[in-house]
């Protein structure tokens, strides 16, 4: 089975852009995603000698850890679960901090797959439905899908740290960073307080002095061009949906020191 991200419809997910990014990656031994989110690039590309996924959203990293280390029990939890609006509402009301790691991963995976636009629950997710496709959570294919993800994640380091710490720890001449921060003016879609506009300046400053190489994808707005003006730009046009009423085409910037 072809590897696919576990987080479908994730805002800013790079499934449309992953192959282009992969062909742009320089030669490296260590591949690091400080803002992994759906990790479409990692799930699409061939394995590197060393691979690192990091995210400050604990639910994201907890899901990957559970799939990596507790696959059978995670799959078992979905044996009798239904894709249903009432079940979605019930899980939305459950505080994640009251759950075990496995049950927390089940809650997050279920809500993310069944929520419109792939929003994280804390960002105000609502039950997603359509008249043109089946539910995103296909329980009949779930074991096959999760087993493929388990194999792909088997040799990956998983971190739950601020992006700046991960960049500092793994920065070597043989490292390439794929940087996928929140979009400008969309910072809170991934959880409040995880990333702010001041972080763009801090990120640009840190990337200007690293030993390794990086490629960053971000929305194309004047503020981003000004903040990262010392680096090389490449424009790509993509289309995104944020909620039931809003979708738009936007220019994506690939920024790099390659």
C-alpha atoms as a PDB file:
ATOM      1  CA  UNK A   1       0.000   0.000   0.000  1.00  0.00           C
ATOM      2  CA  UNK A   2       1.289   3.452  -0.866  1.00  0.00           C
ATOM      3  CA  UNK A   3       2.222   5.497   2.190  1.00  0.00           C
ATOM      4  CA  UNK A   4      -0.250   8.257   3.019  1.00  0.00           C
ATOM      5  CA  UNK A   5      -0.456  10.755   5.830  1.00  0.00           C
ATOM      6  CA  UNK A   6      -2.670   9.790   8.760  1.00  0.00           C
ATOM      7  CA  UNK A   7      -4.049  13.341   8.981  1.00  0.00           C
ATOM      8  CA  UNK A   8      -6.238  13.823   5.898  1.00  0.00           C
ATOM      9  CA  UNK A   9      -7.464  17.286   5.002  1.00  0.00           C
ATOM     10  CA  UNK A  10      -4.997  18.881   7.437  1.00  0.00           C
ATOM     11  CA  UNK A  11      -4.924  22.645   6.878  1.00  0.00           C
ATOM     12  CA  UNK A  12      -1.783  23.349   4.906  1.00  0.00           C
ATOM     13  CA  UNK A  13      -1.143  19.650   4.318  1.00  0.00           C
ATOM     14  CA  UNK A  14       1.331  19.265   1.479  1.00  0.00           C
ATOM     15  CA  UNK A  15      -0.048  16.259  -0.387  1.00  0.00           C
ATOM     16  CA  UNK A  16      -0.330  18.379  -3.570  1.00  0.00           C
ATOM     17  CA  UNK A  17       3.145  19.801  -3.134  1.00  0.00           C
ATOM     18  CA  UNK A  18       5.042  16.881  -1.596  1.00  0.00           C
ATOM     19  CA  UNK A  19       6.584  15.480  -4.779  1.00  0.00           C
ATOM     20  CA  UNK A  20       7.794  18.917  -5.851  1.00  0.00           C
ATOM     21  CA  UNK A  21       9.388  19.497  -2.451  1.00  0.00           C
ATOM     22  CA  UNK A  22      11.020  16.065  -2.498  1.00  0.00           C
ATOM     23  CA  UNK A  23      12.672  16.698  -5.864  1.00  0.00           C
ATOM     24  CA  UNK A  24      14.045  19.966  -4.448  1.00  0.00           C
ATOM     25  CA  UNK A  25      15.663  18.390  -1.387  1.00  0.00           C
ATOM     26  CA  UNK A  26      19.475  18.459  -1.491  1.00  0.00           C
ATOM     27  CA  UNK A  27      21.596  15.418  -0.695  1.00  0.00           C
ATOM     28  CA  UNK A  28      21.496  14.695   3.020  1.00  0.00           C
ATOM     29  CA  UNK A  29      21.861  12.065   5.734  1.00  0.00           C
ATOM     30  CA  UNK A  30      19.440  13.581   8.254  1.00  0.00           C
ATOM     31  CA  UNK A  31      15.923  14.777   7.378  1.00  0.00           C
ATOM     32  CA  UNK A  32      14.036  16.887   9.942  1.00  0.00           C
ATOM     33  CA  UNK A  33      10.517  18.369  10.017  1.00  0.00           C
ATOM     34  CA  UNK A  34      10.286  20.884  12.908  1.00  0.00           C
ATOM     35  CA  UNK A  35       6.570  21.511  12.099  1.00  0.00           C
ATOM     36  CA  UNK A  36       5.544  18.067  10.915  1.00  0.00           C
ATOM     37  CA  UNK A  37       1.734  18.280  11.121  1.00  0.00           C
ATOM     38  CA  UNK A  38       0.409  15.770   8.587  1.00  0.00           C
ATOM     39  CA  UNK A  39       3.993  14.946   7.493  1.00  0.00           C
ATOM     40  CA  UNK A  40       2.974  14.442   3.867  1.00  0.00           C
ATOM     41  CA  UNK A  41       6.534  14.928   2.652  1.00  0.00           C
ATOM     42  CA  UNK A  42       7.932  12.237   4.939  1.00  0.00           C
ATOM     43  CA  UNK A  43       5.140   9.792   4.105  1.00  0.00           C
ATOM     44  CA  UNK A  44       5.691  10.375   0.378  1.00  0.00           C
ATOM     45  CA  UNK A  45       9.486  10.386   0.113  1.00  0.00           C
ATOM     46  CA  UNK A  46      12.001   7.549   0.279  1.00  0.00           C
ATOM     47  CA  UNK A  47      13.563   6.910   3.673  1.00  0.00           C
ATOM     48  CA  UNK A  48      16.610   8.938   4.701  1.00  0.00           C
ATOM     49  CA  UNK A  49      19.320   7.503   6.953  1.00  0.00           C
ATOM     50  CA  UNK A  50      17.995   9.548   9.899  1.00  0.00           C
ATOM     51  CA  UNK A  51      14.504  11.070  10.043  1.00  0.00           C
ATOM     52  CA  UNK A  52      12.921  13.309  12.672  1.00  0.00           C
ATOM     53  CA  UNK A  53       9.324  14.477  13.069  1.00  0.00           C
ATOM     54  CA  UNK A  54       8.567  17.227  15.568  1.00  0.00           C
ATOM     55  CA  UNK A  55       5.424  19.136  16.435  1.00  0.00           C
ATOM     56  CA  UNK A  56       4.422  21.293  19.374  1.00  0.00           C
ATOM     57  CA  UNK A  57       0.880  19.923  19.105  1.00  0.00           C
ATOM     58  CA  UNK A  58       0.946  17.003  21.547  1.00  0.00           C
ATOM     59  CA  UNK A  59      -2.004  15.276  19.876  1.00  0.00           C
ATOM     60  CA  UNK A  60      -0.096  15.012  16.595  1.00  0.00           C
ATOM     61  CA  UNK A  61       3.033  13.494  18.129  1.00  0.00           C
ATOM     62  CA  UNK A  62       1.046  11.278  20.490  1.00  0.00           C
ATOM     63  CA  UNK A  63      -0.839   9.822  17.507  1.00  0.00           C
ATOM     64  CA  UNK A  64       2.403   9.001  15.713  1.00  0.00           C
ATOM     65  CA  UNK A  65       3.913   7.468  18.868  1.00  0.00           C
ATOM     66  CA  UNK A  66       0.860   5.280  19.441  1.00  0.00           C
ATOM     67  CA  UNK A  67       0.845   4.069  15.824  1.00  0.00           C
ATOM     68  CA  UNK A  68       4.596   3.478  16.094  1.00  0.00           C
ATOM     69  CA  UNK A  69       4.512   1.500  19.368  1.00  0.00           C
ATOM     70  CA  UNK A  70       0.925   0.345  20.081  1.00  0.00           C
ATOM     71  CA  UNK A  71      -0.521  -0.428  16.664  1.00  0.00           C
ATOM     72  CA  UNK A  72      -2.624  -3.492  17.551  1.00  0.00           C
ATOM     73  CA  UNK A  73      -4.371  -1.871  20.510  1.00  0.00           C
ATOM     74  CA  UNK A  74      -4.982   1.322  18.525  1.00  0.00           C
ATOM     75  CA  UNK A  75      -6.645  -0.652  15.723  1.00  0.00           C
ATOM     76  CA  UNK A  76      -8.712  -2.649  18.238  1.00  0.00           C
ATOM     77  CA  UNK A  77     -10.256   0.560  19.593  1.00  0.00           C
ATOM     78  CA  UNK A  78     -11.922   1.164  16.209  1.00  0.00           C
ATOM     79  CA  UNK A  79     -13.521  -2.279  15.929  1.00  0.00           C
ATOM     80  CA  UNK A  80     -16.997  -1.151  16.991  1.00  0.00           C
ATOM     81  CA  UNK A  81     -16.808   2.614  16.558  1.00  0.00           C
ATOM     82  CA  UNK A  82     -19.205   4.318  14.128  1.00  0.00           C
ATOM     83  CA  UNK A  83     -18.781   7.323  11.869  1.00  0.00           C
ATOM     84  CA  UNK A  84     -21.678   9.264  13.317  1.00  0.00           C
ATOM     85  CA  UNK A  85     -22.447  12.872  14.213  1.00  0.00           C
ATOM     86  CA  UNK A  86     -23.410  11.917  17.796  1.00  0.00           C
ATOM     87  CA  UNK A  87     -20.134  10.074  18.347  1.00  0.00           C
ATOM     88  CA  UNK A  88     -18.259  13.058  16.953  1.00  0.00           C
ATOM     89  CA  UNK A  89     -20.056  15.385  19.374  1.00  0.00           C
ATOM     90  CA  UNK A  90     -19.417  13.045  22.303  1.00  0.00           C
ATOM     91  CA  UNK A  91     -15.678  12.887  21.641  1.00  0.00           C
ATOM     92  CA  UNK A  92     -15.521  16.651  21.176  1.00  0.00           C
ATOM     93  CA  UNK A  93     -16.749  17.003  24.754  1.00  0.00           C
ATOM     94  CA  UNK A  94     -14.099  14.680  26.228  1.00  0.00           C
ATOM     95  CA  UNK A  95     -11.087  16.576  27.667  1.00  0.00           C
ATOM     96  CA  UNK A  96      -8.004  14.979  26.052  1.00  0.00           C
ATOM     97  CA  UNK A  97      -5.903  15.378  29.196  1.00  0.00           C
ATOM     98  CA  UNK A  98      -8.181  12.907  31.007  1.00  0.00           C
ATOM     99  CA  UNK A  99      -7.369  10.080  28.571  1.00  0.00           C
ATOM    100  CA  UNK A 100      -4.618   7.492  28.235  1.00  0.00           C
ATOM    101  CA  UNK A 101      -2.176   7.995  25.366  1.00  0.00           C
ATOM    102  CA  UNK A 102      -3.991   5.381  23.268  1.00  0.00           C
ATOM    103  CA  UNK A 103      -7.473   6.753  23.936  1.00  0.00           C
ATOM    104  CA  UNK A 104      -6.220  10.284  23.336  1.00  0.00           C
ATOM    105  CA  UNK A 105      -4.839   9.185  19.963  1.00  0.00           C
ATOM    106  CA  UNK A 106      -8.153   7.511  19.083  1.00  0.00           C
ATOM    107  CA  UNK A 107     -10.080  10.675  19.955  1.00  0.00           C
ATOM    108  CA  UNK A 108      -7.775  12.933  17.945  1.00  0.00           C
ATOM    109  CA  UNK A 109      -7.642  10.623  14.920  1.00  0.00           C
ATOM    110  CA  UNK A 110     -11.428  10.188  14.851  1.00  0.00           C
ATOM    111  CA  UNK A 111     -12.170  13.902  15.231  1.00  0.00           C
ATOM    112  CA  UNK A 112      -9.531  14.996  12.736  1.00  0.00           C
ATOM    113  CA  UNK A 113     -10.655  12.508  10.097  1.00  0.00           C
ATOM    114  CA  UNK A 114     -14.346  13.297  10.529  1.00  0.00           C
ATOM    115  CA  UNK A 115     -14.089  17.049  11.079  1.00  0.00           C
ATOM    116  CA  UNK A 116     -14.613  19.470   8.216  1.00  0.00           C
ATOM    117  CA  UNK A 117     -11.439  20.958   6.787  1.00  0.00           C
ATOM    118  CA  UNK A 118      -9.203  18.740   8.912  1.00  0.00           C
ATOM    119  CA  UNK A 119      -9.157  21.269  11.750  1.00  0.00           C
ATOM    120  CA  UNK A 120      -7.793  20.209  15.122  1.00  0.00           C
ATOM    121  CA  UNK A 121     -10.629  19.829  17.668  1.00  0.00           C
ATOM    122  CA  UNK A 122      -9.450  22.784  19.737  1.00  0.00           C
ATOM    123  CA  UNK A 123      -9.758  25.072  16.694  1.00  0.00           C
ATOM    124  CA  UNK A 124     -13.536  24.617  16.504  1.00  0.00           C
ATOM    125  CA  UNK A 125     -13.986  21.540  14.344  1.00  0.00           C
ATOM    126  CA  UNK A 126     -17.446  20.532  13.109  1.00  0.00           C
ATOM    127  CA  UNK A 127     -18.688  17.202  11.754  1.00  0.00           C
ATOM    128  CA  UNK A 128     -17.777  16.886   8.087  1.00  0.00           C
ATOM    129  CA  UNK A 129     -20.135  15.420   5.516  1.00  0.00           C
ATOM    130  CA  UNK A 130     -20.538  15.445   1.744  1.00  0.00           C
ATOM    131  CA  UNK A 131     -22.870  14.269  -1.011  1.00  0.00           C
ATOM    132  CA  UNK A 132     -20.013  13.427  -3.376  1.00  0.00           C
ATOM    133  CA  UNK A 133     -17.740  11.127  -1.337  1.00  0.00           C
ATOM    134  CA  UNK A 134     -17.729   8.559   1.464  1.00  0.00           C
ATOM    135  CA  UNK A 135     -16.464   9.461   4.958  1.00  0.00           C
ATOM    136  CA  UNK A 136     -12.719  10.070   5.208  1.00  0.00           C
ATOM    137  CA  UNK A 137     -12.483   7.482   7.977  1.00  0.00           C
ATOM    138  CA  UNK A 138     -12.893   4.169   6.133  1.00  0.00           C
ATOM    139  CA  UNK A 139     -13.080   1.593   8.911  1.00  0.00           C
ATOM    140  CA  UNK A 140     -12.846  -1.326   6.462  1.00  0.00           C
ATOM    141  CA  UNK A 141      -9.436  -0.168   5.212  1.00  0.00           C
ATOM    142  CA  UNK A 142      -8.161   1.176   8.514  1.00  0.00           C
ATOM    143  CA  UNK A 143      -5.931  -1.753   9.512  1.00  0.00           C
ATOM    144  CA  UNK A 144      -4.165  -1.755   6.149  1.00  0.00           C
ATOM    145  CA  UNK A 145      -3.672   1.998   6.270  1.00  0.00           C
ATOM    146  CA  UNK A 146      -2.391   2.077   9.845  1.00  0.00           C
ATOM    147  CA  UNK A 147      -0.063  -0.872   9.256  1.00  0.00           C
ATOM    148  CA  UNK A 148       1.558   1.002   6.370  1.00  0.00           C
ATOM    149  CA  UNK A 149       1.984   4.082   8.572  1.00  0.00           C
ATOM    150  CA  UNK A 150       3.427   1.919  11.367  1.00  0.00           C
ATOM    151  CA  UNK A 151       6.099   0.554   9.029  1.00  0.00           C
ATOM    152  CA  UNK A 152       6.966   4.004   7.686  1.00  0.00           C
ATOM    153  CA  UNK A 153       7.293   5.468  11.186  1.00  0.00           C
ATOM    154  CA  UNK A 154       9.273   2.544  12.589  1.00  0.00           C
ATOM    155  CA  UNK A 155      12.683   4.212  12.268  1.00  0.00           C
ATOM    156  CA  UNK A 156      11.639   7.820  12.827  1.00  0.00           C
ATOM    157  CA  UNK A 157      12.596   9.930  15.854  1.00  0.00           C
ATOM    158  CA  UNK A 158       9.521  11.673  17.289  1.00  0.00           C
ATOM    159  CA  UNK A 159       9.974  14.918  19.208  1.00  0.00           C
ATOM    160  CA  UNK A 160       7.578  17.261  21.020  1.00  0.00           C
ATOM    161  CA  UNK A 161       9.675  20.409  21.346  1.00  0.00           C
ATOM    162  CA  UNK A 162       9.691  24.058  20.252  1.00  0.00           C
ATOM    163  CA  UNK A 163      10.800  24.308  16.623  1.00  0.00           C
ATOM    164  CA  UNK A 164      13.889  26.334  17.588  1.00  0.00           C
ATOM    165  CA  UNK A 165      15.122  23.586  19.927  1.00  0.00           C
ATOM    166  CA  UNK A 166      14.746  20.924  17.244  1.00  0.00           C
ATOM    167  CA  UNK A 167      16.582  23.020  14.654  1.00  0.00           C
ATOM    168  CA  UNK A 168      19.404  23.687  17.108  1.00  0.00           C
ATOM    169  CA  UNK A 169      19.724  20.052  18.224  1.00  0.00           C
ATOM    170  CA  UNK A 170      19.764  18.480  14.777  1.00  0.00           C
ATOM    171  CA  UNK A 171      21.608  21.184  12.824  1.00  0.00           C
ATOM    172  CA  UNK A 172      24.600  19.623  11.044  1.00  0.00           C
ATOM    173  CA  UNK A 173      26.131  20.162   7.593  1.00  0.00           C
ATOM    174  CA  UNK A 174      24.484  16.895   6.469  1.00  0.00           C
ATOM    175  CA  UNK A 175      20.994  17.850   7.733  1.00  0.00           C
ATOM    176  CA  UNK A 176      18.116  19.139   5.632  1.00  0.00           C
ATOM    177  CA  UNK A 177      15.125  20.750   7.328  1.00  0.00           C
ATOM    178  CA  UNK A 178      11.720  20.835   5.710  1.00  0.00           C
ATOM    179  CA  UNK A 179      10.108  23.852   7.387  1.00  0.00           C
ATOM    180  CA  UNK A 180       6.289  24.006   7.258  1.00  0.00           C
ATOM    181  CA  UNK A 181       5.178  26.616   9.819  1.00  0.00           C
ATOM    182  CA  UNK A 182       1.594  27.858  10.209  1.00  0.00           C
ATOM    183  CA  UNK A 183       0.485  30.174   7.435  1.00  0.00           C
ATOM    184  CA  UNK A 184       0.615  33.904   8.014  1.00  0.00           C
ATOM    185  CA  UNK A 185      -2.739  34.934   9.573  1.00  0.00           C
ATOM    186  CA  UNK A 186      -3.650  31.255  10.173  1.00  0.00           C
ATOM    187  CA  UNK A 187      -1.515  30.703  13.257  1.00  0.00           C
ATOM    188  CA  UNK A 188      -4.358  29.667  15.589  1.00  0.00           C
ATOM    189  CA  UNK A 189      -5.835  26.999  13.301  1.00  0.00           C
ATOM    190  CA  UNK A 190      -3.392  24.496  14.805  1.00  0.00           C
ATOM    191  CA  UNK A 191      -4.060  25.471  18.427  1.00  0.00           C
ATOM    192  CA  UNK A 192      -3.888  28.780  20.237  1.00  0.00           C
ATOM    193  CA  UNK A 193      -0.537  30.041  21.463  1.00  0.00           C
ATOM    194  CA  UNK A 194       1.629  27.523  19.613  1.00  0.00           C
ATOM    195  CA  UNK A 195       3.043  29.983  17.071  1.00  0.00           C
ATOM    196  CA  UNK A 196       2.735  33.745  16.619  1.00  0.00           C
ATOM    197  CA  UNK A 197       3.805  36.406  14.159  1.00  0.00           C
ATOM    198  CA  UNK A 198       6.939  37.190  16.184  1.00  0.00           C
ATOM    199  CA  UNK A 199       8.039  33.616  15.563  1.00  0.00           C
ATOM    200  CA  UNK A 200       8.436  34.306  11.839  1.00  0.00           C
ATOM    201  CA  UNK A 201      11.180  36.838  12.609  1.00  0.00           C
ATOM    202  CA  UNK A 202      12.825  34.472  15.078  1.00  0.00           C
ATOM    203  CA  UNK A 203      12.665  31.625  12.561  1.00  0.00           C
ATOM    204  CA  UNK A 204      14.226  33.732   9.792  1.00  0.00           C
ATOM    205  CA  UNK A 205      17.025  34.763  12.129  1.00  0.00           C
ATOM    206  CA  UNK A 206      17.747  31.183  13.155  1.00  0.00           C
ATOM    207  CA  UNK A 207      17.677  29.853   9.581  1.00  0.00           C
ATOM    208  CA  UNK A 208      20.180  32.500   8.489  1.00  0.00           C
ATOM    209  CA  UNK A 209      22.927  30.910  10.615  1.00  0.00           C
ATOM    210  CA  UNK A 210      22.304  27.151  10.412  1.00  0.00           C
ATOM    211  CA  UNK A 211      24.977  24.769   9.129  1.00  0.00           C
ATOM    212  CA  UNK A 212      22.481  22.600   7.251  1.00  0.00           C
ATOM    213  CA  UNK A 213      20.097  23.270   4.391  1.00  0.00           C
ATOM    214  CA  UNK A 214      16.384  24.038   4.516  1.00  0.00           C
ATOM    215  CA  UNK A 215      13.320  24.297   2.308  1.00  0.00           C
ATOM    216  CA  UNK A 216      10.284  26.097   3.712  1.00  0.00           C
ATOM    217  CA  UNK A 217       6.727  26.220   2.343  1.00  0.00           C
ATOM    218  CA  UNK A 218       4.489  29.124   3.353  1.00  0.00           C
ATOM    219  CA  UNK A 219       1.677  31.278   1.958  1.00  0.00           C
ATOM    220  CA  UNK A 220       2.805  34.075  -0.337  1.00  0.00           C
ATOM    221  CA  UNK A 221       2.108  37.389   1.379  1.00  0.00           C
ATOM    222  CA  UNK A 222       4.189  40.595   1.464  1.00  0.00           C
ATOM    223  CA  UNK A 223       5.050  40.179   5.140  1.00  0.00           C
ATOM    224  CA  UNK A 224       6.594  36.764   4.503  1.00  0.00           C
ATOM    225  CA  UNK A 225       8.576  38.021   1.520  1.00  0.00           C
ATOM    226  CA  UNK A 226       9.958  40.856   3.627  1.00  0.00           C
ATOM    227  CA  UNK A 227      10.803  38.658   6.612  1.00  0.00           C
ATOM    228  CA  UNK A 228      12.648  36.028   4.558  1.00  0.00           C
ATOM    229  CA  UNK A 229      14.038  38.317   1.842  1.00  0.00           C
ATOM    230  CA  UNK A 230      17.631  37.078   2.178  1.00  0.00           C
ATOM    231  CA  UNK A 231      16.670  33.605   0.898  1.00  0.00           C
ATOM    232  CA  UNK A 232      15.684  32.212  -2.508  1.00  0.00           C
ATOM    233  CA  UNK A 233      11.973  32.164  -3.491  1.00  0.00           C
ATOM    234  CA  UNK A 234       9.987  29.866  -5.783  1.00  0.00           C
ATOM    235  CA  UNK A 235       6.248  30.421  -6.407  1.00  0.00           C
ATOM    236  CA  UNK A 236       3.715  27.578  -6.624  1.00  0.00           C
ATOM    237  CA  UNK A 237      -0.098  27.952  -6.948  1.00  0.00           C
ATOM    238  CA  UNK A 238      -2.332  25.713  -4.806  1.00  0.00           C
ATOM    239  CA  UNK A 239      -6.004  25.556  -3.717  1.00  0.00           C
ATOM    240  CA  UNK A 240      -7.109  25.085  -0.099  1.00  0.00           C
ATOM    241  CA  UNK A 241     -10.382  24.694   1.841  1.00  0.00           C
ATOM    242  CA  UNK A 242     -10.575  26.128   5.350  1.00  0.00           C
ATOM    243  CA  UNK A 243     -14.279  25.670   6.160  1.00  0.00           C
ATOM    244  CA  UNK A 244     -17.577  24.774   4.474  1.00  0.00           C
ATOM    245  CA  UNK A 245     -18.037  28.239   2.998  1.00  0.00           C
ATOM    246  CA  UNK A 246     -14.502  29.288   2.151  1.00  0.00           C
ATOM    247  CA  UNK A 247     -11.942  27.951  -0.279  1.00  0.00           C
ATOM    248  CA  UNK A 248      -9.442  29.815  -2.362  1.00  0.00           C
ATOM    249  CA  UNK A 249      -6.409  29.556  -4.567  1.00  0.00           C
ATOM    250  CA  UNK A 250      -3.231  30.952  -3.120  1.00  0.00           C
ATOM    251  CA  UNK A 251       0.370  31.298  -4.096  1.00  0.00           C
ATOM    252  CA  UNK A 252       2.631  29.136  -2.000  1.00  0.00           C
ATOM    253  CA  UNK A 253       6.232  30.188  -1.554  1.00  0.00           C
ATOM    254  CA  UNK A 254       9.081  27.737  -1.363  1.00  0.00           C
ATOM    255  CA  UNK A 255      11.896  29.496   0.482  1.00  0.00           C
ATOM    256  CA  UNK A 256      15.337  27.952   0.772  1.00  0.00           C
ATOM    257  CA  UNK A 257      19.051  28.356   1.271  1.00  0.00           C
ATOM    258  CA  UNK A 258      19.731  25.579  -1.239  1.00  0.00           C
END
